[in-house]
Protein backbone atom coordinates (compact mmCIF):
# COMPACT_ATOMS: atom_id res chain seq x y z
CA MET A 1 23.46 1.56 -52.50
CA SER A 2 23.65 4.92 -54.23
CA VAL A 3 24.49 8.52 -53.35
CA SER A 4 22.07 11.30 -54.25
CA ILE A 5 23.08 14.57 -55.83
CA GLY A 6 21.86 16.28 -52.67
CA GLU A 7 24.38 14.32 -50.59
CA VAL A 8 27.13 15.09 -53.11
CA ILE A 9 26.29 18.80 -52.91
CA ARG A 10 26.27 18.67 -49.10
CA PHE A 11 29.74 17.07 -49.03
CA ASN A 12 30.99 19.65 -51.53
CA GLU A 13 29.73 22.37 -49.17
CA LEU A 14 31.93 20.88 -46.43
CA LEU A 15 34.93 21.05 -48.75
CA LEU A 16 34.12 24.67 -49.57
CA GLN A 17 34.04 25.41 -45.84
CA LEU A 18 37.51 23.87 -45.59
CA GLN A 19 38.64 26.09 -48.45
CA ARG A 20 37.50 29.13 -46.45
CA VAL A 21 39.87 28.25 -43.59
CA ARG A 22 42.79 30.61 -44.20
CA ARG A 23 46.18 29.72 -42.84
CA HIS A 24 48.84 32.18 -41.75
CA ILE A 25 51.11 31.17 -44.61
CA TRP A 26 51.57 33.39 -47.66
CA ILE A 27 51.59 31.61 -51.02
CA PRO A 28 54.88 32.19 -52.85
CA GLY A 29 54.34 34.38 -55.90
CA ARG A 30 50.81 35.41 -54.92
CA GLU A 31 49.33 38.06 -52.67
CA ALA A 32 47.16 35.52 -50.90
CA ARG A 33 47.26 33.30 -47.88
CA GLU A 34 47.11 29.55 -48.27
CA ASN A 35 43.83 27.83 -47.42
CA ASP A 36 43.34 24.38 -45.91
CA VAL A 37 42.36 22.73 -49.21
CA GLU A 38 45.53 23.96 -50.93
CA HIS A 39 47.62 22.87 -47.96
CA SER A 40 46.00 19.41 -47.72
CA TYR A 41 46.49 18.75 -51.44
CA GLN A 42 50.11 19.87 -51.28
CA LEU A 43 50.74 17.70 -48.20
CA ALA A 44 49.18 14.68 -49.93
CA MET A 45 51.28 15.14 -53.06
CA MET A 46 54.47 15.70 -51.04
CA ALA A 47 53.83 12.56 -48.98
CA TRP A 48 53.28 10.52 -52.13
CA TYR A 49 56.41 11.98 -53.73
CA ILE A 50 58.65 11.35 -50.72
CA ASN A 51 57.31 7.84 -50.14
CA ASP A 52 57.89 6.90 -53.78
CA ALA A 53 61.16 8.77 -54.44
CA ALA A 54 62.78 7.63 -51.17
CA GLN A 55 61.26 4.15 -51.48
CA LEU A 56 60.01 4.28 -47.89
CA GLY A 57 57.54 1.45 -48.46
CA LEU A 58 54.64 3.15 -46.70
CA ASP A 59 51.10 2.51 -47.95
CA THR A 60 50.44 5.33 -50.42
CA GLU A 61 46.66 5.07 -50.14
CA GLU A 62 46.88 5.43 -46.37
CA LEU A 63 49.19 8.43 -46.69
CA LEU A 64 46.84 10.14 -49.15
CA LYS A 65 43.74 9.55 -47.05
CA CYS A 66 45.48 10.75 -43.92
CA ALA A 67 46.84 13.89 -45.61
CA LEU A 68 43.51 14.77 -47.21
CA VAL A 69 41.59 14.60 -43.92
CA HIS A 70 44.27 15.85 -41.52
CA ASP A 71 42.91 19.41 -41.29
CA LEU A 72 39.23 18.71 -42.04
CA VAL A 73 38.39 19.27 -38.36
CA GLU A 74 39.44 22.91 -38.83
CA VAL A 75 36.09 23.52 -40.54
CA TYR A 76 34.69 23.66 -36.99
CA ALA A 77 37.80 23.93 -34.80
CA GLY A 78 39.60 26.62 -36.83
CA ASP A 79 43.29 27.03 -37.63
CA ILE A 80 45.63 28.32 -34.94
CA PRO A 81 49.06 29.89 -35.52
CA VAL A 82 51.83 27.57 -34.44
CA LEU A 83 53.08 29.68 -31.53
CA ASP A 84 49.76 31.09 -30.27
CA HIS A 85 49.99 29.26 -26.96
CA ALA A 86 46.79 30.74 -25.48
CA ALA A 87 44.67 29.71 -28.49
CA ARG A 88 46.18 26.20 -28.44
CA VAL A 89 44.73 25.45 -25.01
CA GLY A 90 41.99 22.87 -25.57
CA LYS A 91 42.90 22.49 -29.27
CA HIS A 92 42.94 18.68 -29.27
CA LYS A 93 39.58 18.51 -27.48
CA ARG A 94 38.03 20.91 -30.02
CA GLU A 95 39.45 18.83 -32.88
CA VAL A 96 38.11 15.55 -31.45
CA GLU A 97 34.68 17.17 -31.07
CA ALA A 98 34.87 18.52 -34.63
CA ALA A 99 35.79 15.06 -35.97
CA ALA A 100 32.82 13.52 -34.16
CA ARG A 101 30.51 16.20 -35.59
CA ILE A 102 31.75 15.68 -39.16
CA ALA A 103 31.54 11.89 -38.81
CA ALA A 104 27.95 12.22 -37.60
CA GLU A 105 27.03 14.63 -40.41
CA PHE A 106 28.48 12.21 -42.98
CA SER A 107 27.63 8.88 -41.39
CA ASP A 108 27.21 7.47 -44.91
CA PHE A 109 31.00 7.96 -45.33
CA PRO A 110 32.39 5.97 -42.36
CA ASP A 111 35.94 5.87 -43.76
CA LEU A 112 36.10 9.64 -43.32
CA GLY A 113 35.58 9.35 -39.57
CA VAL A 114 38.03 6.47 -39.35
CA TRP A 115 40.80 8.51 -40.98
CA MET A 116 40.13 11.70 -39.04
CA ASN A 117 40.38 9.69 -35.82
CA ARG A 118 43.48 7.81 -36.98
CA TYR A 119 45.20 11.11 -37.67
CA LEU A 120 44.16 12.62 -34.35
CA ALA A 121 45.39 9.52 -32.47
CA CYS A 122 48.68 9.57 -34.41
CA GLU A 123 49.52 5.99 -33.44
CA ASP A 124 50.18 4.35 -36.81
CA GLU A 125 52.98 4.81 -39.32
CA ALA A 126 50.93 6.69 -41.93
CA SER A 127 49.48 9.22 -39.49
CA GLN A 128 52.85 9.76 -37.79
CA PHE A 129 54.51 10.39 -41.16
CA ILE A 130 51.77 12.85 -42.19
CA TYR A 131 51.81 14.55 -38.78
CA ALA A 132 55.57 15.11 -38.98
CA LEU A 133 55.52 16.16 -42.63
CA ASP A 134 52.69 18.60 -41.85
CA LYS A 135 55.06 20.34 -39.43
CA ILE A 136 57.72 21.07 -42.07
CA MET A 137 55.50 21.83 -45.08
CA PRO A 138 54.56 25.30 -43.78
CA MET A 139 58.25 25.97 -43.11
CA ILE A 140 59.08 25.14 -46.71
CA MET A 141 56.26 27.41 -47.93
CA VAL A 142 57.45 30.31 -45.77
CA TYR A 143 61.04 29.73 -46.90
CA LEU A 144 59.96 29.82 -50.55
CA GLN A 145 58.02 33.02 -49.85
CA GLY A 146 61.03 34.71 -48.26
CA GLY A 147 60.01 34.54 -44.60
CA THR A 148 57.13 37.02 -44.64
CA SER A 149 54.86 34.96 -42.36
CA TRP A 150 57.60 34.52 -39.75
CA ARG A 151 58.37 38.22 -39.72
CA ASP A 152 54.66 39.18 -39.71
CA LEU A 153 54.03 36.95 -36.69
CA HIS A 154 57.31 38.03 -35.00
CA TYR A 155 58.72 34.48 -34.90
CA GLY A 156 62.43 33.97 -34.33
CA MET A 157 64.35 31.16 -35.99
CA GLU A 158 65.18 29.16 -32.87
CA GLU A 159 61.64 29.64 -31.61
CA ILE A 160 60.28 27.93 -34.73
CA LEU A 161 62.92 25.20 -34.78
CA ASP A 162 62.48 24.43 -31.08
CA HIS A 163 58.71 24.22 -31.46
CA LYS A 164 58.93 21.80 -34.39
CA HIS A 165 61.81 19.66 -33.08
CA ASP A 166 59.83 17.18 -30.97
CA LYS A 167 56.90 17.06 -33.38
CA VAL A 168 58.93 15.87 -36.38
CA ARG A 169 60.42 13.04 -34.31
CA LYS A 170 57.24 11.03 -34.94
CA SER A 171 58.81 10.09 -38.28
CA PRO A 172 62.55 9.34 -38.46
CA TYR A 173 62.60 10.10 -42.19
CA VAL A 174 60.87 13.47 -41.80
CA GLN A 175 63.17 14.23 -38.88
CA LYS A 176 66.15 13.93 -41.27
CA LEU A 177 64.47 16.32 -43.70
CA PHE A 178 63.78 18.72 -40.83
CA GLN A 179 67.47 18.69 -39.84
CA GLN A 180 68.45 19.50 -43.42
CA LEU A 181 65.84 22.26 -43.57
CA ALA A 182 67.14 23.74 -40.30
CA GLU A 183 70.62 23.97 -41.86
CA VAL A 184 69.17 25.81 -44.86
CA LEU A 185 67.22 28.21 -42.63
CA ARG A 186 70.22 29.01 -40.46
CA LYS A 187 71.83 30.49 -43.57
CA HIS A 188 68.90 32.94 -43.86
CA PRO A 189 68.40 34.73 -40.52
CA GLU A 190 66.85 37.66 -42.41
CA MET A 191 63.71 35.58 -42.89
CA PHE A 192 62.90 35.72 -39.18
CA ALA A 193 61.93 38.39 -36.69
CA GLN A 194 65.10 39.84 -35.22
CA ARG A 195 65.31 39.72 -31.44
CA SER A 196 66.83 42.75 -29.75
């Protein structure tokens, strides 16, 4: 079996669409917002690093696949700010539909559909680790950038921490990192929108 250059180009077009999905996170040191390709690569590398450095014993290949596909559905479902409660209504349904559409468009790449669905189901160790890590990576980016995104979106510190608390519990190891990050953030209230 072979893959034609036309199919390679078509898959590259999908990746370019993913690159066009802008997140609400400013990139430290640049006057630009992060896109989904940058975020997915950074998440994959961070998962690999943590798994290796902490000797967690998770399957690195599974972590990388899960991280690389975790936001692919946003090509069709879009990215939603973490505390935009109205826009989050129906989010999971839109993501499941987007995964089915991408899997159908690239039926010659069945592993892609498998990993998108594994991440969306979040029932195995790799997807739970990536899901939890995905919740703190933006926080680290905003911290490194000085809090601009939190202030721009009028997010308070406890609002962010409360929203993330239950999500990071999917991975005990990431939960420990989240607790450490919360301690760091509490020393920098100036990074958040001030409530009157």
